[in-house]
Amino acid sequence: VDIHHIHDVAVQAAKTAAKLILSDSDKHKSVNYKGRTDLVTHTDKKSEQLICTIINETFPDHGILAEESKPHLPNANYQWIIDPLDGTTNFVHNYPSFAVSIGVHYKKSPVVGCVIEISSDTIYTAINKEGAFCNNNPIKVSSENNLQKSLLVTGFGYDHDEKWEANMNLFKSFTDITQGVRRLGAASVDLCHVACGIVDGFWEFDLHPWDT
């Protein structure tokens, strides 16, 4: 399988889903609750169905791991890992930090990634051994290695457990010794901001495969 073809299909699927999400952003949102603060909308599900349809039509023997559905062909060498709408709570509130995230693994190693930050129409892509890009321009992480000069970003899980408390303590500690800590609410966006050097570091507990 040509890795560049996989990349192009991932970008096509992400763009198509992003267009759907953007068209739904000003409409009434039908919200269900997976947990007290863990939301899912009809848009999440429509986006996932759309992406999975594109993948299945192009690569019927590839596996899919997506946030809102059961794994498909979990033993296949190629696995597509999908968050159809990362930052659902932001989307529900029209807070402009939400994304479509698609990654592809070959034999459990990442080979392709595409994240679209929808509100700004920013497209992040990467191919193994060929680099990472933002809107087709090469990007790289920050070279800053001094915490006092760093800007960090983090996220919090939905369960207010001991890890949530530990993360809150880290948030306080890092706020004291850095130039600031941000919490935007979409891990894929946070990681892309690290990749292009907008922020200098990221941490979060208990992320799922589709979050990263």
N, C-alpha and C. Protein backbone atom coordinates (compact mmCIF):
# COMPACT_ATOMS: atom_id res chain seq x y z
N VAL A 1 0.85 -1.19 0.00
CA VAL A 1 0.00 0.00 0.00
C VAL A 1 0.89 1.25 0.00
N ASP A 2 0.58 2.19 -0.87
CA ASP A 2 1.34 3.44 -0.96
C ASP A 2 0.97 4.34 0.22
N ILE A 3 1.96 4.67 1.04
CA ILE A 3 1.71 5.46 2.24
C ILE A 3 1.19 6.85 1.87
N HIS A 4 1.60 7.37 0.71
CA HIS A 4 1.11 8.69 0.30
C HIS A 4 -0.37 8.64 -0.09
N HIS A 5 -0.80 7.51 -0.61
CA HIS A 5 -2.23 7.34 -0.92
C HIS A 5 -3.03 7.31 0.38
N ILE A 6 -2.51 6.60 1.38
CA ILE A 6 -3.16 6.57 2.69
C ILE A 6 -3.24 7.99 3.25
N HIS A 7 -2.15 8.73 3.16
CA HIS A 7 -2.13 10.12 3.63
C HIS A 7 -3.21 10.95 2.93
N ASP A 8 -3.30 10.81 1.61
CA ASP A 8 -4.27 11.61 0.86
C ASP A 8 -5.71 11.26 1.23
N VAL A 9 -5.98 9.99 1.47
CA VAL A 9 -7.32 9.57 1.88
C VAL A 9 -7.64 10.08 3.28
N ALA A 10 -6.65 10.04 4.17
CA ALA A 10 -6.84 10.57 5.52
C ALA A 10 -7.18 12.05 5.48
N VAL A 11 -6.46 12.81 4.67
CA VAL A 11 -6.72 14.24 4.56
C VAL A 11 -8.10 14.49 3.94
N GLN A 12 -8.44 13.73 2.91
CA GLN A 12 -9.76 13.86 2.29
C GLN A 12 -10.87 13.58 3.29
N ALA A 13 -10.72 12.50 4.07
CA ALA A 13 -11.74 12.14 5.06
C ALA A 13 -11.85 13.21 6.13
N ALA A 14 -10.72 13.72 6.60
CA ALA A 14 -10.73 14.74 7.64
C ALA A 14 -11.36 16.03 7.13
N LYS A 15 -11.04 16.42 5.91
CA LYS A 15 -11.63 17.64 5.34
C LYS A 15 -13.14 17.50 5.17
N THR A 16 -13.58 16.34 4.72
CA THR A 16 -15.01 16.12 4.52
C THR A 16 -15.75 16.17 5.86
N ALA A 17 -15.15 15.56 6.88
CA ALA A 17 -15.76 15.59 8.22
C ALA A 17 -15.75 17.00 8.80
N ALA A 18 -14.66 17.71 8.61
CA ALA A 18 -14.56 19.08 9.12
C ALA A 18 -15.62 19.98 8.51
N LYS A 19 -15.89 19.80 7.22
CA LYS A 19 -16.93 20.58 6.55
C LYS A 19 -18.30 20.28 7.16
N LEU A 20 -18.56 19.01 7.45
CA LEU A 20 -19.81 18.63 8.09
C LEU A 20 -19.93 19.28 9.47
N ILE A 21 -18.88 19.18 10.26
CA ILE A 21 -18.90 19.73 11.62
C ILE A 21 -19.11 21.24 11.59
N LEU A 22 -18.41 21.91 10.69
CA LEU A 22 -18.55 23.37 10.59
C LEU A 22 -19.97 23.75 10.21
N SER A 23 -20.59 22.98 9.33
CA SER A 23 -21.97 23.27 8.93
C SER A 23 -22.95 23.06 10.07
N ASP A 24 -22.60 22.18 11.01
CA ASP A 24 -23.46 21.92 12.17
C ASP A 24 -23.19 22.86 13.34
N SER A 25 -22.12 23.63 13.26
CA SER A 25 -21.67 24.38 14.44
C SER A 25 -22.67 25.44 14.88
N ASP A 26 -23.42 26.00 13.95
CA ASP A 26 -24.39 27.04 14.30
C ASP A 26 -25.81 26.51 14.46
N LYS A 27 -25.96 25.19 14.35
CA LYS A 27 -27.27 24.59 14.49
C LYS A 27 -27.51 24.14 15.93
N HIS A 28 -28.75 23.82 16.24
CA HIS A 28 -29.06 23.24 17.54
C HIS A 28 -28.35 21.89 17.68
N LYS A 29 -27.68 21.68 18.82
CA LYS A 29 -26.94 20.44 19.04
C LYS A 29 -27.76 19.47 19.87
N SER A 30 -27.89 18.26 19.36
CA SER A 30 -28.54 17.18 20.11
C SER A 30 -27.47 16.49 20.95
N VAL A 31 -27.53 16.67 22.27
CA VAL A 31 -26.45 16.23 23.16
C VAL A 31 -26.90 15.06 24.01
N ASN A 32 -26.06 14.03 24.06
CA ASN A 32 -26.23 12.92 25.00
C ASN A 32 -25.03 12.90 25.92
N TYR A 33 -25.17 12.19 27.03
CA TYR A 33 -24.12 12.16 28.05
C TYR A 33 -23.59 10.75 28.22
N LYS A 34 -22.27 10.58 27.97
CA LYS A 34 -21.60 9.31 28.28
C LYS A 34 -21.17 9.29 29.74
N GLY A 35 -21.07 10.46 30.34
CA GLY A 35 -20.73 10.64 31.74
C GLY A 35 -21.23 12.01 32.14
N ARG A 36 -20.99 12.41 33.39
CA ARG A 36 -21.54 13.68 33.88
C ARG A 36 -21.10 14.86 33.03
N THR A 37 -19.84 14.84 32.58
CA THR A 37 -19.32 15.92 31.75
C THR A 37 -18.76 15.42 30.43
N ASP A 38 -19.03 14.16 30.09
CA ASP A 38 -18.52 13.55 28.86
C ASP A 38 -19.65 13.54 27.83
N LEU A 39 -19.60 14.48 26.90
CA LEU A 39 -20.70 14.70 25.97
C LEU A 39 -20.46 14.01 24.63
N VAL A 40 -21.55 13.66 23.97
CA VAL A 40 -21.49 13.19 22.58
C VAL A 40 -22.69 13.78 21.85
N THR A 41 -22.47 14.23 20.63
CA THR A 41 -23.55 14.83 19.84
C THR A 41 -23.83 13.99 18.60
N HIS A 42 -24.95 14.29 17.97
CA HIS A 42 -25.27 13.64 16.70
C HIS A 42 -24.19 13.94 15.66
N THR A 43 -23.57 15.11 15.78
CA THR A 43 -22.50 15.49 14.85
C THR A 43 -21.29 14.57 15.01
N ASP A 44 -20.93 14.21 16.25
CA ASP A 44 -19.84 13.24 16.47
C ASP A 44 -20.10 11.98 15.66
N LYS A 45 -21.33 11.48 15.78
CA LYS A 45 -21.67 10.20 15.16
C LYS A 45 -21.72 10.31 13.64
N LYS A 46 -22.27 11.42 13.13
CA LYS A 46 -22.30 11.62 11.68
C LYS A 46 -20.89 11.73 11.11
N SER A 47 -20.04 12.46 11.81
CA SER A 47 -18.65 12.62 11.37
C SER A 47 -17.94 11.28 11.33
N GLU A 48 -18.12 10.48 12.37
CA GLU A 48 -17.48 9.16 12.42
C GLU A 48 -17.98 8.26 11.29
N GLN A 49 -19.27 8.25 11.06
CA GLN A 49 -19.83 7.42 9.99
C GLN A 49 -19.28 7.83 8.63
N LEU A 50 -19.16 9.12 8.42
CA LEU A 50 -18.65 9.62 7.15
C LEU A 50 -17.20 9.18 6.94
N ILE A 51 -16.37 9.36 7.97
CA ILE A 51 -14.96 8.98 7.86
C ILE A 51 -14.83 7.48 7.63
N CYS A 52 -15.56 6.69 8.40
CA CYS A 52 -15.47 5.23 8.27
C CYS A 52 -15.93 4.76 6.89
N THR A 53 -16.93 5.42 6.33
CA THR A 53 -17.39 5.06 4.99
C THR A 53 -16.30 5.28 3.96
N ILE A 54 -15.62 6.41 4.04
CA ILE A 54 -14.53 6.71 3.11
C ILE A 54 -13.41 5.68 3.24
N ILE A 55 -13.06 5.33 4.47
CA ILE A 55 -11.99 4.35 4.69
C ILE A 55 -12.40 2.98 4.16
N ASN A 56 -13.60 2.55 4.51
CA ASN A 56 -14.06 1.21 4.10
C ASN A 56 -14.17 1.08 2.59
N GLU A 57 -14.57 2.15 1.93
CA GLU A 57 -14.69 2.10 0.47
C GLU A 57 -13.32 2.04 -0.20
N THR A 58 -12.32 2.66 0.42
CA THR A 58 -10.99 2.74 -0.19
C THR A 58 -10.09 1.60 0.25
N PHE A 59 -10.17 1.24 1.53
CA PHE A 59 -9.31 0.20 2.10
C PHE A 59 -10.17 -0.79 2.89
N PRO A 60 -10.91 -1.65 2.23
CA PRO A 60 -11.85 -2.54 2.93
C PRO A 60 -11.18 -3.54 3.87
N ASP A 61 -9.88 -3.76 3.72
CA ASP A 61 -9.20 -4.72 4.59
C ASP A 61 -8.45 -4.04 5.73
N HIS A 62 -8.64 -2.73 5.91
CA HIS A 62 -8.00 -2.01 7.00
C HIS A 62 -8.90 -2.00 8.23
N GLY A 63 -8.29 -2.00 9.41
CA GLY A 63 -9.04 -1.92 10.65
C GLY A 63 -9.32 -0.48 11.04
N ILE A 64 -10.31 -0.30 11.90
CA ILE A 64 -10.70 1.03 12.37
C ILE A 64 -10.95 0.98 13.87
N LEU A 65 -10.33 1.91 14.58
CA LEU A 65 -10.60 2.13 16.00
C LEU A 65 -11.10 3.57 16.13
N ALA A 66 -12.38 3.72 16.43
CA ALA A 66 -13.00 5.05 16.49
C ALA A 66 -13.70 5.23 17.83
N GLU A 67 -13.79 6.49 18.26
CA GLU A 67 -14.26 6.78 19.61
C GLU A 67 -15.69 6.32 19.87
N GLU A 68 -16.56 6.45 18.89
CA GLU A 68 -17.99 6.24 19.13
C GLU A 68 -18.51 4.88 18.68
N SER A 69 -17.64 3.96 18.28
CA SER A 69 -18.13 2.66 17.81
C SER A 69 -17.16 1.55 18.18
N LYS A 70 -17.57 0.30 17.94
CA LYS A 70 -16.73 -0.85 18.27
C LYS A 70 -15.60 -0.99 17.25
N PRO A 71 -14.47 -1.58 17.66
CA PRO A 71 -13.36 -1.78 16.72
C PRO A 71 -13.77 -2.63 15.52
N HIS A 72 -13.25 -2.27 14.36
CA HIS A 72 -13.51 -2.98 13.11
C HIS A 72 -12.21 -3.60 12.62
N LEU A 73 -12.19 -4.91 12.39
CA LEU A 73 -10.99 -5.65 11.96
C LEU A 73 -9.78 -5.31 12.85
N PRO A 74 -9.89 -5.60 14.15
CA PRO A 74 -8.82 -5.19 15.08
C PRO A 74 -7.48 -5.87 14.87
N ASN A 75 -7.45 -6.96 14.11
CA ASN A 75 -6.19 -7.67 13.88
C ASN A 75 -5.54 -7.32 12.54
N ALA A 76 -6.12 -6.40 11.80
CA ALA A 76 -5.53 -5.99 10.52
C ALA A 76 -4.21 -5.25 10.75
N ASN A 77 -3.30 -5.36 9.80
CA ASN A 77 -2.01 -4.68 9.92
C ASN A 77 -2.16 -3.16 9.95
N TYR A 78 -3.05 -2.65 9.10
CA TYR A 78 -3.31 -1.21 9.08
C TYR A 78 -4.51 -0.90 9.96
N GLN A 79 -4.33 0.04 10.87
CA GLN A 79 -5.40 0.47 11.77
C GLN A 79 -5.57 1.98 11.68
N TRP A 80 -6.79 2.40 11.38
CA TRP A 80 -7.13 3.82 11.37
C TRP A 80 -7.72 4.18 12.73
N ILE A 81 -7.17 5.20 13.35
CA ILE A 81 -7.57 5.59 14.70
C ILE A 81 -8.19 6.99 14.61
N ILE A 82 -9.45 7.07 15.00
CA ILE A 82 -10.26 8.25 14.65
C ILE A 82 -10.90 8.88 15.88
N ASP A 83 -10.73 10.18 16.01
CA ASP A 83 -11.61 10.98 16.87
C ASP A 83 -12.40 11.89 15.94
N PRO A 84 -13.67 11.58 15.73
CA PRO A 84 -14.46 12.31 14.73
C PRO A 84 -14.76 13.75 15.11
N LEU A 85 -14.68 14.04 16.42
CA LEU A 85 -14.88 15.41 16.89
C LEU A 85 -14.20 15.53 18.25
N ASP A 86 -12.96 15.94 18.25
CA ASP A 86 -12.21 16.12 19.49
C ASP A 86 -12.51 17.52 20.02
N GLY A 87 -12.97 17.56 21.26
CA GLY A 87 -13.41 18.84 21.83
C GLY A 87 -14.90 19.03 21.70
N THR A 88 -15.66 17.96 21.96
CA THR A 88 -17.12 18.03 21.79
C THR A 88 -17.75 19.09 22.68
N THR A 89 -17.29 19.19 23.92
CA THR A 89 -17.86 20.20 24.82
C THR A 89 -17.63 21.60 24.27
N ASN A 90 -16.44 21.86 23.74
CA ASN A 90 -16.17 23.15 23.10
C ASN A 90 -17.13 23.39 21.94
N PHE A 91 -17.32 22.35 21.12
CA PHE A 91 -18.22 22.45 19.97
C PHE A 91 -19.64 22.80 20.42
N VAL A 92 -20.12 22.15 21.47
CA VAL A 92 -21.47 22.40 21.97
C VAL A 92 -21.64 23.85 22.40
N HIS A 93 -20.57 24.42 22.98
CA HIS A 93 -20.63 25.79 23.49
C HIS A 93 -20.11 26.82 22.47
N ASN A 94 -19.79 26.37 21.26
CA ASN A 94 -19.22 27.24 20.23
C ASN A 94 -17.90 27.88 20.67
N TYR A 95 -17.18 27.17 21.54
CA TYR A 95 -15.83 27.63 21.92
C TYR A 95 -14.87 27.13 20.83
N PRO A 96 -14.09 28.02 20.21
CA PRO A 96 -13.39 27.66 18.97
C PRO A 96 -12.12 26.84 19.15
N SER A 97 -12.25 25.68 19.77
CA SER A 97 -11.13 24.74 19.84
C SER A 97 -11.68 23.32 19.76
N PHE A 98 -11.86 22.84 18.54
CA PHE A 98 -12.30 21.46 18.32
C PHE A 98 -11.75 21.01 16.97
N ALA A 99 -11.67 19.70 16.78
CA ALA A 99 -10.91 19.18 15.65
C ALA A 99 -11.41 17.82 15.21
N VAL A 100 -10.99 17.45 14.01
CA VAL A 100 -11.07 16.07 13.53
C VAL A 100 -9.66 15.50 13.59
N SER A 101 -9.53 14.30 14.12
CA SER A 101 -8.20 13.68 14.24
C SER A 101 -8.23 12.28 13.65
N ILE A 102 -7.32 12.02 12.70
CA ILE A 102 -7.20 10.71 12.07
C ILE A 102 -5.73 10.30 12.07
N GLY A 103 -5.46 9.13 12.61
CA GLY A 103 -4.11 8.57 12.56
C GLY A 103 -4.16 7.18 11.95
N VAL A 104 -3.05 6.75 11.38
CA VAL A 104 -2.96 5.42 10.79
C VAL A 104 -1.72 4.72 11.34
N HIS A 105 -1.92 3.51 11.86
CA HIS A 105 -0.82 2.67 12.33
C HIS A 105 -0.61 1.51 11.37
N TYR A 106 0.64 1.13 11.17
CA TYR A 106 0.96 -0.10 10.45
C TYR A 106 1.74 -0.99 11.41
N LYS A 107 1.16 -2.13 11.72
CA LYS A 107 1.75 -3.06 12.69
C LYS A 107 2.10 -2.34 13.99
N LYS A 108 1.14 -1.52 14.45
CA LYS A 108 1.18 -0.83 15.74
C LYS A 108 2.14 0.36 15.79
N SER A 109 2.70 0.75 14.65
CA SER A 109 3.56 1.94 14.59
C SER A 109 2.88 3.02 13.77
N PRO A 110 2.88 4.28 14.25
CA PRO A 110 2.21 5.35 13.51
C PRO A 110 2.93 5.68 12.21
N VAL A 111 2.16 5.81 11.13
CA VAL A 111 2.75 6.12 9.83
C VAL A 111 2.16 7.38 9.19
N VAL A 112 0.93 7.72 9.54
CA VAL A 112 0.27 8.90 8.95
C VAL A 112 -0.59 9.55 10.02
N GLY A 113 -0.65 10.87 9.99
CA GLY A 113 -1.55 11.59 10.88
C GLY A 113 -2.13 12.81 10.19
N CYS A 114 -3.36 13.13 10.53
CA CYS A 114 -4.00 14.36 10.03
C CYS A 114 -4.95 14.88 11.09
N VAL A 115 -4.76 16.13 11.47
CA VAL A 115 -5.66 16.82 12.40
C VAL A 115 -6.08 18.13 11.76
N ILE A 116 -7.36 18.39 11.75
CA ILE A 116 -7.86 19.68 11.25
C ILE A 116 -8.46 20.45 12.42
N GLU A 117 -7.86 21.59 12.72
CA GLU A 117 -8.39 22.51 13.73
C GLU A 117 -9.46 23.35 13.02
N ILE A 118 -10.71 23.02 13.29
CA ILE A 118 -11.80 23.40 12.39
C ILE A 118 -12.07 24.90 12.39
N SER A 119 -12.07 25.54 13.54
CA SER A 119 -12.46 26.95 13.58
C SER A 119 -11.50 27.84 12.80
N SER A 120 -10.23 27.44 12.72
CA SER A 120 -9.24 28.22 11.98
C SER A 120 -8.88 27.60 10.64
N ASP A 121 -9.49 26.46 10.31
CA ASP A 121 -9.20 25.73 9.07
C ASP A 121 -7.69 25.47 8.94
N THR A 122 -7.09 25.05 10.04
CA THR A 122 -5.67 24.73 10.06
C THR A 122 -5.50 23.22 9.94
N ILE A 123 -4.69 22.79 8.99
CA ILE A 123 -4.52 21.37 8.72
C ILE A 123 -3.10 20.94 9.09
N TYR A 124 -3.01 20.02 10.04
CA TYR A 124 -1.73 19.44 10.44
C TYR A 124 -1.63 18.04 9.85
N THR A 125 -0.52 17.73 9.23
CA THR A 125 -0.32 16.40 8.65
C THR A 125 1.08 15.90 8.96
N ALA A 126 1.24 14.59 8.91
CA ALA A 126 2.57 14.00 9.11
C ALA A 126 2.62 12.65 8.43
N ILE A 127 3.80 12.33 7.91
CA ILE A 127 4.09 11.01 7.35
C ILE A 127 5.39 10.53 7.99
N ASN A 128 5.40 9.29 8.43
CA ASN A 128 6.58 8.74 9.08
C ASN A 128 7.83 8.93 8.22
N LYS A 129 8.87 9.46 8.83
CA LYS A 129 10.19 9.70 8.22
C LYS A 129 10.19 10.82 7.18
N GLU A 130 9.05 11.51 7.02
CA GLU A 130 9.00 12.61 6.05
C GLU A 130 8.67 13.95 6.70
N GLY A 131 8.42 13.95 8.01
CA GLY A 131 8.20 15.20 8.71
C GLY A 131 6.74 15.53 8.96
N ALA A 132 6.55 16.65 9.64
CA ALA A 132 5.22 17.14 9.99
C ALA A 132 5.01 18.51 9.37
N PHE A 133 3.74 18.82 9.09
CA PHE A 133 3.44 20.03 8.33
C PHE A 133 2.18 20.71 8.88
N CYS A 134 2.16 22.02 8.76
CA CYS A 134 0.96 22.81 9.07
C CYS A 134 0.61 23.59 7.81
N ASN A 135 -0.56 23.31 7.25
CA ASN A 135 -0.96 23.91 5.98
C ASN A 135 0.14 23.78 4.93
N ASN A 136 0.73 22.58 4.88
CA ASN A 136 1.77 22.20 3.91
C ASN A 136 3.14 22.83 4.17
N ASN A 137 3.27 23.60 5.25
CA ASN A 137 4.57 24.17 5.61
C ASN A 137 5.22 23.32 6.70
N PRO A 138 6.52 23.01 6.56
CA PRO A 138 7.19 22.18 7.57
C PRO A 138 7.14 22.83 8.95
N ILE A 139 6.97 22.01 9.97
CA ILE A 139 6.94 22.51 11.34
C ILE A 139 7.91 21.72 12.20
N LYS A 140 8.25 22.28 13.35
CA LYS A 140 9.10 21.58 14.30
C LYS A 140 8.76 22.06 15.71
N VAL A 141 9.13 21.26 16.68
CA VAL A 141 8.84 21.59 18.07
C VAL A 141 9.73 22.73 18.53
N SER A 142 9.34 23.35 19.63
CA SER A 142 10.13 24.41 20.23
C SER A 142 11.49 23.89 20.70
N SER A 143 12.47 24.75 20.65
CA SER A 143 13.80 24.39 21.16
C SER A 143 13.99 24.85 22.60
N GLU A 144 12.96 25.44 23.19
CA GLU A 144 13.06 25.96 24.56
C GLU A 144 13.19 24.81 25.56
N ASN A 145 14.23 24.87 26.39
CA ASN A 145 14.43 23.83 27.40
C ASN A 145 14.48 24.39 28.82
N ASN A 146 14.07 25.64 28.95
CA ASN A 146 14.03 26.29 30.26
C ASN A 146 12.57 26.46 30.66
N LEU A 147 12.15 25.76 31.72
CA LEU A 147 10.75 25.83 32.15
C LEU A 147 10.30 27.26 32.43
N GLN A 148 11.19 28.09 32.97
CA GLN A 148 10.81 29.46 33.31
C GLN A 148 10.43 30.28 32.08
N LYS A 149 10.88 29.85 30.92
CA LYS A 149 10.58 30.55 29.68
C LYS A 149 9.54 29.81 28.83
N SER A 150 8.94 28.78 29.40
CA SER A 150 8.06 27.90 28.63
C SER A 150 6.59 28.21 28.85
N LEU A 151 5.81 27.93 27.81
CA LEU A 151 4.35 27.94 27.88
C LEU A 151 3.88 26.50 27.70
N LEU A 152 3.10 26.00 28.64
CA LEU A 152 2.66 24.61 28.63
C LEU A 152 1.15 24.52 28.39
N VAL A 153 0.71 23.33 28.07
CA VAL A 153 -0.72 23.08 27.87
C VAL A 153 -1.06 21.72 28.45
N THR A 154 -2.26 21.59 28.98
CA THR A 154 -2.67 20.32 29.58
C THR A 154 -4.17 20.10 29.36
N GLY A 155 -4.63 18.96 29.81
CA GLY A 155 -6.05 18.65 29.77
C GLY A 155 -6.43 17.84 30.99
N PHE A 156 -7.73 17.80 31.29
CA PHE A 156 -8.23 17.08 32.45
C PHE A 156 -9.25 16.03 32.01
N GLY A 157 -9.17 14.86 32.62
CA GLY A 157 -10.13 13.80 32.34
C GLY A 157 -11.51 14.13 32.89
N TYR A 158 -12.46 13.27 32.52
CA TYR A 158 -13.84 13.50 32.95
C TYR A 158 -14.10 13.04 34.38
N ASP A 159 -13.31 12.08 34.86
CA ASP A 159 -13.51 11.55 36.22
C ASP A 159 -12.68 12.35 37.21
N HIS A 160 -13.35 12.88 38.22
CA HIS A 160 -12.66 13.66 39.24
C HIS A 160 -12.11 12.71 40.30
N ASP A 161 -11.06 11.98 39.92
CA ASP A 161 -10.46 10.97 40.78
C ASP A 161 -9.08 11.43 41.24
N GLU A 162 -8.26 10.48 41.73
CA GLU A 162 -6.95 10.85 42.25
C GLU A 162 -6.03 11.40 41.15
N LYS A 163 -6.20 10.93 39.92
CA LYS A 163 -5.38 11.47 38.82
C LYS A 163 -5.80 12.90 38.48
N TRP A 164 -7.09 13.17 38.57
CA TRP A 164 -7.57 14.53 38.35
C TRP A 164 -6.98 15.46 39.41
N GLU A 165 -6.95 15.01 40.67
CA GLU A 165 -6.36 15.80 41.74
C GLU A 165 -4.87 16.00 41.51
N ALA A 166 -4.18 14.93 41.08
CA ALA A 166 -2.75 15.04 40.80
C ALA A 166 -2.49 16.03 39.68
N ASN A 167 -3.33 16.00 38.66
CA ASN A 167 -3.15 16.93 37.54
C ASN A 167 -3.42 18.36 37.97
N MET A 168 -4.39 18.55 38.85
CA MET A 168 -4.66 19.90 39.35
C MET A 168 -3.45 20.43 40.12
N ASN A 169 -2.82 19.56 40.89
CA ASN A 169 -1.62 19.97 41.62
C ASN A 169 -0.47 20.30 40.67
N LEU A 170 -0.33 19.49 39.61
CA LEU A 170 0.69 19.80 38.60
C LEU A 170 0.39 21.13 37.91
N PHE A 171 -0.88 21.36 37.63
CA PHE A 171 -1.28 22.63 37.01
C PHE A 171 -0.83 23.81 37.87
N LYS A 172 -1.09 23.71 39.17
CA LYS A 172 -0.68 24.78 40.09
C LYS A 172 0.83 24.93 40.12
N SER A 173 1.53 23.79 40.21
CA SER A 173 2.99 23.83 40.31
C SER A 173 3.63 24.41 39.06
N PHE A 174 3.18 23.95 37.89
CA PHE A 174 3.76 24.45 36.65
C PHE A 174 3.40 25.92 36.40
N THR A 175 2.23 26.35 36.87
CA THR A 175 1.86 27.75 36.73
C THR A 175 2.84 28.64 37.49
N ASP A 176 3.36 28.14 38.61
CA ASP A 176 4.29 28.91 39.43
C ASP A 176 5.67 29.03 38.80
N ILE A 177 6.07 28.07 37.96
CA ILE A 177 7.46 28.04 37.49
C ILE A 177 7.60 28.19 35.97
N THR A 178 6.51 28.46 35.28
CA THR A 178 6.56 28.67 33.83
C THR A 178 5.94 30.02 33.49
N GLN A 179 5.87 30.32 32.20
CA GLN A 179 5.20 31.55 31.78
C GLN A 179 3.69 31.37 31.67
N GLY A 180 3.22 30.15 31.92
CA GLY A 180 1.79 29.92 31.93
C GLY A 180 1.43 28.51 31.51
N VAL A 181 0.21 28.10 31.89
CA VAL A 181 -0.34 26.81 31.49
C VAL A 181 -1.72 27.06 30.89
N ARG A 182 -1.94 26.51 29.72
CA ARG A 182 -3.22 26.67 29.04
C ARG A 182 -4.01 25.35 29.09
N ARG A 183 -5.34 25.47 29.04
CA ARG A 183 -6.21 24.29 29.03
C ARG A 183 -7.31 24.56 28.02
N LEU A 184 -7.14 24.03 26.78
CA LEU A 184 -8.05 24.36 25.69
C LEU A 184 -9.16 23.35 25.50
N GLY A 185 -8.93 22.07 25.87
CA GLY A 185 -10.02 21.11 25.83
C GLY A 185 -10.07 20.18 24.64
N ALA A 186 -8.99 20.10 23.86
CA ALA A 186 -8.92 19.15 22.74
C ALA A 186 -7.47 18.68 22.63
N ALA A 187 -7.22 17.45 23.06
CA ALA A 187 -5.85 16.96 23.16
C ALA A 187 -5.14 16.93 21.82
N SER A 188 -5.85 16.58 20.76
CA SER A 188 -5.20 16.53 19.44
C SER A 188 -4.71 17.91 19.03
N VAL A 189 -5.48 18.94 19.34
CA VAL A 189 -5.07 20.31 19.05
C VAL A 189 -3.87 20.69 19.90
N ASP A 190 -3.92 20.34 21.18
CA ASP A 190 -2.78 20.62 22.07
C ASP A 190 -1.49 20.03 21.52
N LEU A 191 -1.56 18.78 21.09
CA LEU A 191 -0.36 18.09 20.59
C LEU A 191 0.13 18.71 19.29
N CYS A 192 -0.78 19.16 18.45
CA CYS A 192 -0.36 19.84 17.22
C CYS A 192 0.30 21.18 17.53
N HIS A 193 -0.17 21.85 18.56
CA HIS A 193 0.45 23.11 18.97
C HIS A 193 1.86 22.87 19.50
N VAL A 194 2.06 21.74 20.15
CA VAL A 194 3.43 21.36 20.55
C VAL A 194 4.27 21.08 19.31
N ALA A 195 3.70 20.35 18.36
CA ALA A 195 4.44 19.96 17.16
C ALA A 195 4.93 21.16 16.36
N CYS A 196 4.16 22.25 16.38
CA CYS A 196 4.58 23.41 15.59
C CYS A 196 5.22 24.50 16.43
N GLY A 197 5.45 24.23 17.72
CA GLY A 197 6.21 25.15 18.55
C GLY A 197 5.42 26.30 19.14
N ILE A 198 4.09 26.28 19.02
CA ILE A 198 3.27 27.33 19.64
C ILE A 198 3.37 27.24 21.16
N VAL A 199 3.36 26.02 21.68
CA VAL A 199 3.60 25.78 23.10
C VAL A 199 4.80 24.85 23.23
N ASP A 200 5.38 24.83 24.41
CA ASP A 200 6.64 24.12 24.60
C ASP A 200 6.49 22.72 25.18
N GLY A 201 5.33 22.41 25.75
CA GLY A 201 5.16 21.08 26.33
C GLY A 201 3.71 20.80 26.66
N PHE A 202 3.39 19.53 26.80
CA PHE A 202 2.02 19.08 27.07
C PHE A 202 2.06 17.87 27.98
N TRP A 203 1.09 17.78 28.88
CA TRP A 203 0.90 16.54 29.64
C TRP A 203 -0.60 16.35 29.91
N GLU A 204 -0.98 15.10 30.06
CA GLU A 204 -2.35 14.76 30.43
C GLU A 204 -2.40 13.29 30.82
N PHE A 205 -3.26 12.94 31.75
CA PHE A 205 -3.42 11.56 32.19
C PHE A 205 -4.50 10.85 31.37
N ASP A 206 -4.30 9.54 31.19
CA ASP A 206 -5.36 8.62 30.71
C ASP A 206 -5.97 9.01 29.37
N LEU A 207 -5.13 9.41 28.44
CA LEU A 207 -5.63 9.66 27.09
C LEU A 207 -5.92 8.35 26.37
N HIS A 208 -6.89 8.37 25.48
CA HIS A 208 -7.20 7.21 24.64
C HIS A 208 -6.40 7.28 23.35
N PRO A 209 -6.28 6.17 22.64
CA PRO A 209 -5.51 6.19 21.38
C PRO A 209 -5.99 7.26 20.40
N TRP A 210 -7.30 7.48 20.31
CA TRP A 210 -7.82 8.46 19.35
C TRP A 210 -7.57 9.89 19.78
N ASP A 211 -7.13 10.10 21.02
CA ASP A 211 -6.81 11.45 21.47
C ASP A 211 -5.44 11.91 21.01
N THR A 212 -4.60 10.96 20.60
CA THR A 212 -3.21 11.31 20.34
C THR A 212 -2.79 11.01 18.92
